[in-house]
Amino acid sequence: MWQQPIYDRTKADVSAGADKCYINAALLNRLEGNSAYLAELLGPKIQTKTWAPNRLLTRSEMERILQNIPTLRDAYYNLAGTRACPKRPAPCTATSYNGAGAVFKYELWRRNAKKATRGNLRRRTMG
């Protein structure tokens, strides 16, 4: 069953730490469910899963979700001017991790610590 995507996140929402700006089980299940719905409608083979509130999003799971996007797009149609699909996240290495990363890591932890509620999957640290 199709679930309405959240596409109206704003910079103000992110700054305020709005719930719709976090990755949680509800968001992942909406992504996976909508992907499965489109795959059934359009015919390509993709892998999806149902997320429990206590599961963490791993790099390999994120890569699987990201790989589903071009598979679904290719099964339908790409309009001229459509943005490219997201790239694979770069691995965090000692050389890519710097002071800015440390500030971001702290800020992410601080916001998530404030917003942590039962049933939400929120990364408290990066890496």
N, C-alpha and C. Protein backbone atom coordinates (compact mmCIF):
# COMPACT_ATOMS: atom_id res chain seq x y z
N MET A 1 0.84 -1.17 0.00
CA MET A 1 0.00 0.00 0.00
C MET A 1 0.89 1.25 0.00
N TRP A 2 0.58 2.19 -0.85
CA TRP A 2 1.36 3.42 -1.00
C TRP A 2 1.16 4.31 0.23
N GLN A 3 2.27 4.86 0.73
CA GLN A 3 2.23 5.82 1.82
C GLN A 3 2.79 7.15 1.32
N GLN A 4 2.14 8.24 1.67
CA GLN A 4 2.54 9.56 1.21
C GLN A 4 3.98 9.87 1.64
N PRO A 5 4.87 10.14 0.70
CA PRO A 5 6.24 10.50 1.07
C PRO A 5 6.30 11.86 1.77
N ILE A 6 7.33 12.03 2.58
CA ILE A 6 7.59 13.35 3.18
C ILE A 6 8.61 14.03 2.29
N TYR A 7 8.22 15.11 1.68
CA TYR A 7 9.11 15.81 0.77
C TYR A 7 9.19 17.30 1.09
N ASP A 8 8.57 17.71 2.18
CA ASP A 8 8.51 19.14 2.49
C ASP A 8 9.40 19.53 3.66
N ARG A 9 10.48 18.81 3.87
CA ARG A 9 11.41 19.19 4.93
C ARG A 9 12.08 20.52 4.56
N THR A 10 12.21 21.38 5.53
CA THR A 10 12.85 22.67 5.29
C THR A 10 14.08 22.81 6.18
N LYS A 11 14.88 23.81 5.88
CA LYS A 11 16.05 24.09 6.71
C LYS A 11 15.61 24.40 8.14
N ALA A 12 14.49 25.08 8.28
CA ALA A 12 13.96 25.39 9.61
C ALA A 12 13.58 24.11 10.36
N ASP A 13 13.01 23.13 9.64
CA ASP A 13 12.67 21.84 10.26
C ASP A 13 13.92 21.16 10.79
N VAL A 14 14.97 21.17 9.98
CA VAL A 14 16.24 20.54 10.37
C VAL A 14 16.81 21.26 11.58
N SER A 15 16.84 22.59 11.54
CA SER A 15 17.38 23.38 12.66
C SER A 15 16.59 23.13 13.94
N ALA A 16 15.28 22.97 13.81
CA ALA A 16 14.43 22.74 14.98
C ALA A 16 14.45 21.28 15.43
N GLY A 17 15.05 20.40 14.64
CA GLY A 17 15.08 18.99 15.01
C GLY A 17 13.73 18.32 14.90
N ALA A 18 12.95 18.71 13.89
CA ALA A 18 11.61 18.13 13.70
C ALA A 18 11.70 16.63 13.48
N ASP A 19 10.70 15.92 13.98
CA ASP A 19 10.68 14.45 13.87
C ASP A 19 10.81 13.97 12.44
N LYS A 20 10.25 14.71 11.48
CA LYS A 20 10.29 14.26 10.09
C LYS A 20 11.68 14.36 9.48
N CYS A 21 12.65 14.85 10.23
CA CYS A 21 14.02 14.99 9.73
C CYS A 21 14.93 13.86 10.20
N TYR A 22 14.40 12.89 10.91
CA TYR A 22 15.20 11.79 11.43
C TYR A 22 14.90 10.49 10.68
N ILE A 23 15.90 9.65 10.62
CA ILE A 23 15.69 8.31 10.08
C ILE A 23 15.19 7.44 11.22
N ASN A 24 13.99 6.92 11.05
CA ASN A 24 13.42 6.02 12.05
C ASN A 24 12.72 4.87 11.34
N ALA A 25 12.19 3.95 12.11
CA ALA A 25 11.56 2.76 11.52
C ALA A 25 10.39 3.14 10.62
N ALA A 26 9.61 4.14 11.01
CA ALA A 26 8.46 4.56 10.18
C ALA A 26 8.92 5.06 8.82
N LEU A 27 9.97 5.89 8.80
CA LEU A 27 10.50 6.40 7.53
C LEU A 27 11.04 5.26 6.67
N LEU A 28 11.82 4.37 7.27
CA LEU A 28 12.39 3.26 6.50
C LEU A 28 11.30 2.34 5.96
N ASN A 29 10.28 2.08 6.77
CA ASN A 29 9.18 1.23 6.29
C ASN A 29 8.38 1.90 5.19
N ARG A 30 8.25 3.24 5.25
CA ARG A 30 7.58 3.97 4.17
C ARG A 30 8.40 3.86 2.89
N LEU A 31 9.73 4.06 2.98
CA LEU A 31 10.59 3.92 1.81
C LEU A 31 10.53 2.52 1.23
N GLU A 32 10.67 1.53 2.09
CA GLU A 32 10.68 0.13 1.64
C GLU A 32 9.31 -0.26 1.07
N GLY A 33 8.25 0.15 1.75
CA GLY A 33 6.90 -0.20 1.28
C GLY A 33 6.57 0.45 -0.06
N ASN A 34 6.92 1.72 -0.20
CA ASN A 34 6.67 2.40 -1.47
C ASN A 34 7.52 1.82 -2.59
N SER A 35 8.76 1.44 -2.26
CA SER A 35 9.61 0.79 -3.26
C SER A 35 9.02 -0.55 -3.70
N ALA A 36 8.55 -1.33 -2.73
CA ALA A 36 7.93 -2.62 -3.06
C ALA A 36 6.66 -2.42 -3.90
N TYR A 37 5.88 -1.41 -3.57
CA TYR A 37 4.67 -1.10 -4.33
C TYR A 37 5.01 -0.78 -5.78
N LEU A 38 6.01 0.09 -5.98
CA LEU A 38 6.41 0.46 -7.34
C LEU A 38 7.00 -0.74 -8.09
N ALA A 39 7.78 -1.57 -7.40
CA ALA A 39 8.35 -2.75 -8.05
C ALA A 39 7.26 -3.70 -8.51
N GLU A 40 6.23 -3.86 -7.69
CA GLU A 40 5.11 -4.73 -8.08
C GLU A 40 4.38 -4.14 -9.28
N LEU A 41 4.23 -2.84 -9.30
CA LEU A 41 3.53 -2.15 -10.39
C LEU A 41 4.34 -2.16 -11.69
N LEU A 42 5.66 -1.94 -11.57
CA LEU A 42 6.51 -1.76 -12.75
C LEU A 42 7.27 -3.02 -13.17
N GLY A 43 7.42 -3.98 -12.26
CA GLY A 43 8.02 -5.25 -12.63
C GLY A 43 9.47 -5.54 -12.29
N PRO A 44 10.31 -4.58 -11.89
CA PRO A 44 11.70 -4.94 -11.62
C PRO A 44 11.83 -5.71 -10.31
N LYS A 45 12.91 -6.44 -10.19
CA LYS A 45 13.20 -7.19 -8.96
C LYS A 45 14.07 -6.32 -8.06
N ILE A 46 13.60 -6.05 -6.86
CA ILE A 46 14.38 -5.32 -5.87
C ILE A 46 14.26 -6.05 -4.54
N GLN A 47 15.12 -5.70 -3.63
CA GLN A 47 15.06 -6.28 -2.29
C GLN A 47 14.54 -5.23 -1.32
N THR A 48 13.55 -5.62 -0.52
CA THR A 48 13.03 -4.73 0.51
C THR A 48 12.90 -5.51 1.80
N LYS A 49 12.69 -4.81 2.89
CA LYS A 49 12.49 -5.45 4.18
C LYS A 49 11.57 -4.61 5.04
N THR A 50 11.10 -5.17 6.12
CA THR A 50 10.31 -4.45 7.11
C THR A 50 11.21 -4.17 8.30
N TRP A 51 11.21 -2.92 8.74
CA TRP A 51 12.10 -2.49 9.81
C TRP A 51 11.39 -2.53 11.15
N ALA A 52 12.05 -3.11 12.13
CA ALA A 52 11.58 -3.09 13.51
C ALA A 52 12.20 -1.87 14.20
N PRO A 53 11.54 -1.32 15.20
CA PRO A 53 12.06 -0.11 15.86
C PRO A 53 13.46 -0.27 16.47
N ASN A 54 13.88 -1.47 16.76
CA ASN A 54 15.19 -1.65 17.41
C ASN A 54 16.31 -1.97 16.43
N ARG A 55 16.04 -1.91 15.13
CA ARG A 55 17.07 -2.20 14.12
C ARG A 55 17.81 -0.93 13.75
N LEU A 56 19.11 -1.05 13.50
CA LEU A 56 19.92 0.09 13.06
C LEU A 56 20.16 0.02 11.56
N LEU A 57 20.19 1.17 10.95
CA LEU A 57 20.46 1.26 9.52
C LEU A 57 21.97 1.13 9.31
N THR A 58 22.37 0.08 8.62
CA THR A 58 23.79 -0.13 8.35
C THR A 58 24.13 0.42 6.97
N ARG A 59 25.41 0.52 6.71
CA ARG A 59 25.88 1.01 5.41
C ARG A 59 25.37 0.10 4.29
N SER A 60 25.43 -1.22 4.49
CA SER A 60 24.99 -2.13 3.43
C SER A 60 23.49 -2.01 3.18
N GLU A 61 22.71 -1.77 4.23
CA GLU A 61 21.26 -1.58 4.05
C GLU A 61 20.99 -0.27 3.31
N MET A 62 21.74 0.79 3.64
CA MET A 62 21.58 2.06 2.94
C MET A 62 21.93 1.90 1.47
N GLU A 63 23.00 1.16 1.17
CA GLU A 63 23.39 0.92 -0.22
C GLU A 63 22.30 0.15 -0.96
N ARG A 64 21.68 -0.83 -0.29
CA ARG A 64 20.60 -1.60 -0.91
C ARG A 64 19.43 -0.68 -1.24
N ILE A 65 19.05 0.17 -0.29
CA ILE A 65 17.94 1.10 -0.51
C ILE A 65 18.26 2.04 -1.67
N LEU A 66 19.49 2.57 -1.68
CA LEU A 66 19.89 3.49 -2.75
C LEU A 66 19.94 2.79 -4.10
N GLN A 67 20.30 1.52 -4.13
CA GLN A 67 20.34 0.78 -5.39
C GLN A 67 18.94 0.54 -5.95
N ASN A 68 17.94 0.46 -5.07
CA ASN A 68 16.57 0.27 -5.53
C ASN A 68 16.07 1.46 -6.36
N ILE A 69 16.56 2.66 -6.05
CA ILE A 69 16.06 3.86 -6.72
C ILE A 69 16.33 3.83 -8.23
N PRO A 70 17.59 3.67 -8.69
CA PRO A 70 17.79 3.64 -10.15
C PRO A 70 17.13 2.43 -10.80
N THR A 71 17.03 1.32 -10.08
CA THR A 71 16.35 0.14 -10.63
C THR A 71 14.89 0.47 -10.93
N LEU A 72 14.23 1.14 -9.99
CA LEU A 72 12.83 1.53 -10.19
C LEU A 72 12.70 2.60 -11.27
N ARG A 73 13.60 3.56 -11.27
CA ARG A 73 13.55 4.62 -12.29
C ARG A 73 13.75 4.04 -13.68
N ASP A 74 14.69 3.12 -13.82
CA ASP A 74 14.96 2.52 -15.12
C ASP A 74 13.79 1.68 -15.61
N ALA A 75 13.00 1.14 -14.69
CA ALA A 75 11.84 0.34 -15.08
C ALA A 75 10.70 1.21 -15.59
N TYR A 76 10.74 2.48 -15.31
CA TYR A 76 9.67 3.37 -15.74
C TYR A 76 10.19 4.34 -16.80
N TYR A 77 10.59 5.51 -16.39
CA TYR A 77 11.02 6.52 -17.35
C TYR A 77 11.77 7.61 -16.59
N ASN A 78 12.85 8.08 -17.17
CA ASN A 78 13.59 9.20 -16.60
C ASN A 78 13.29 10.45 -17.43
N LEU A 79 12.64 11.41 -16.82
CA LEU A 79 12.37 12.66 -17.51
C LEU A 79 13.66 13.42 -17.74
N ALA A 80 13.73 14.14 -18.84
CA ALA A 80 14.90 14.99 -19.09
C ALA A 80 15.00 16.00 -17.95
N GLY A 81 16.20 16.19 -17.47
CA GLY A 81 16.42 17.14 -16.38
C GLY A 81 16.22 16.57 -14.99
N THR A 82 15.84 15.29 -14.90
CA THR A 82 15.69 14.68 -13.58
C THR A 82 17.06 14.55 -12.93
N ARG A 83 17.13 14.90 -11.65
CA ARG A 83 18.40 14.81 -10.94
C ARG A 83 18.90 13.38 -10.87
N ALA A 84 20.21 13.25 -10.81
CA ALA A 84 20.83 11.93 -10.69
C ALA A 84 20.47 11.32 -9.34
N CYS A 85 20.50 10.00 -9.28
CA CYS A 85 20.26 9.30 -8.02
C CYS A 85 21.39 9.59 -7.05
N PRO A 86 21.12 9.49 -5.75
CA PRO A 86 22.18 9.72 -4.77
C PRO A 86 23.33 8.74 -4.96
N LYS A 87 24.52 9.22 -4.70
CA LYS A 87 25.71 8.38 -4.79
C LYS A 87 25.85 7.55 -3.51
N ARG A 88 26.65 6.50 -3.61
CA ARG A 88 26.96 5.71 -2.41
C ARG A 88 27.65 6.60 -1.40
N PRO A 89 27.32 6.44 -0.13
CA PRO A 89 28.03 7.23 0.87
C PRO A 89 29.51 6.83 0.91
N ALA A 90 30.36 7.83 1.02
CA ALA A 90 31.80 7.56 1.09
C ALA A 90 32.14 6.99 2.45
N PRO A 91 33.07 6.04 2.49
CA PRO A 91 33.46 5.50 3.79
C PRO A 91 34.19 6.56 4.60
N CYS A 92 33.99 6.53 5.88
CA CYS A 92 34.67 7.47 6.77
C CYS A 92 36.04 6.90 7.08
N THR A 93 37.07 7.64 6.73
CA THR A 93 38.43 7.20 6.99
C THR A 93 39.12 8.21 7.89
N ALA A 94 40.27 7.82 8.40
CA ALA A 94 41.02 8.72 9.26
C ALA A 94 41.37 10.01 8.54
N THR A 95 41.62 9.95 7.24
CA THR A 95 42.00 11.16 6.50
C THR A 95 40.80 12.03 6.16
N SER A 96 39.59 11.45 6.07
CA SER A 96 38.42 12.26 5.74
C SER A 96 37.74 12.82 6.99
N TYR A 97 38.09 12.29 8.14
CA TYR A 97 37.47 12.74 9.39
C TYR A 97 38.31 13.88 9.95
N ASN A 98 37.71 15.06 10.11
CA ASN A 98 38.47 16.21 10.57
C ASN A 98 37.68 16.95 11.64
N GLY A 99 38.14 18.14 11.98
CA GLY A 99 37.49 18.92 13.02
C GLY A 99 36.03 19.21 12.72
N ALA A 100 35.72 19.49 11.46
CA ALA A 100 34.33 19.75 11.09
C ALA A 100 33.47 18.51 11.35
N GLY A 101 34.05 17.34 11.07
CA GLY A 101 33.32 16.10 11.35
C GLY A 101 33.04 15.93 12.83
N ALA A 102 34.01 16.32 13.66
CA ALA A 102 33.83 16.21 15.10
C ALA A 102 32.71 17.13 15.58
N VAL A 103 32.64 18.34 15.03
CA VAL A 103 31.58 19.27 15.39
C VAL A 103 30.23 18.71 14.95
N PHE A 104 30.17 18.20 13.72
CA PHE A 104 28.93 17.62 13.21
C PHE A 104 28.51 16.44 14.07
N LYS A 105 29.45 15.58 14.43
CA LYS A 105 29.17 14.41 15.25
C LYS A 105 28.56 14.82 16.59
N TYR A 106 29.15 15.83 17.22
CA TYR A 106 28.63 16.31 18.50
C TYR A 106 27.23 16.89 18.33
N GLU A 107 27.05 17.72 17.30
CA GLU A 107 25.75 18.35 17.07
C GLU A 107 24.67 17.30 16.80
N LEU A 108 25.00 16.29 16.00
CA LEU A 108 24.07 15.21 15.72
C LEU A 108 23.70 14.47 17.00
N TRP A 109 24.70 14.17 17.82
CA TRP A 109 24.43 13.47 19.09
C TRP A 109 23.55 14.33 19.98
N ARG A 110 23.86 15.63 20.08
CA ARG A 110 23.10 16.53 20.95
C ARG A 110 21.63 16.60 20.53
N ARG A 111 21.39 16.77 19.23
CA ARG A 111 20.01 16.84 18.74
C ARG A 111 19.28 15.52 18.96
N ASN A 112 19.94 14.42 18.66
CA ASN A 112 19.29 13.13 18.81
C ASN A 112 19.02 12.81 20.27
N ALA A 113 19.92 13.22 21.15
CA ALA A 113 19.72 12.98 22.58
C ALA A 113 18.47 13.71 23.05
N LYS A 114 18.22 14.91 22.53
CA LYS A 114 17.02 15.67 22.89
C LYS A 114 15.76 15.03 22.32
N LYS A 115 15.87 14.49 21.10
CA LYS A 115 14.69 13.99 20.40
C LYS A 115 14.46 12.50 20.58
N ALA A 116 15.37 11.82 21.29
CA ALA A 116 15.27 10.36 21.40
C ALA A 116 13.93 9.97 22.03
N THR A 117 13.20 9.14 21.34
CA THR A 117 11.95 8.61 21.86
C THR A 117 11.92 7.13 21.57
N ARG A 118 11.16 6.43 22.33
CA ARG A 118 11.07 4.99 22.14
C ARG A 118 10.56 4.66 20.74
N GLY A 119 11.23 3.69 20.09
CA GLY A 119 10.80 3.22 18.78
C GLY A 119 11.47 3.92 17.62
N ASN A 120 12.26 4.96 17.86
CA ASN A 120 12.93 5.64 16.76
C ASN A 120 14.36 5.16 16.65
N LEU A 121 14.80 5.01 15.42
CA LEU A 121 16.19 4.66 15.16
C LEU A 121 16.93 5.94 14.85
N ARG A 122 17.79 6.32 15.74
CA ARG A 122 18.54 7.54 15.50
C ARG A 122 20.00 7.24 15.75
N ARG A 123 20.81 7.60 14.82
CA ARG A 123 22.25 7.41 14.99
C ARG A 123 22.75 8.46 15.95
N ARG A 124 23.35 8.03 17.01
CA ARG A 124 23.88 8.95 18.01
C ARG A 124 25.32 9.32 17.70
N THR A 125 25.96 8.57 16.87
CA THR A 125 27.33 8.90 16.48
C THR A 125 27.49 8.58 15.01
N MET A 126 28.53 9.09 14.44
CA MET A 126 28.86 8.76 13.06
C MET A 126 30.03 7.81 13.08
N GLY A 127 30.08 6.90 12.10
CA GLY A 127 31.25 6.03 11.98
C GLY A 127 31.09 4.70 12.56
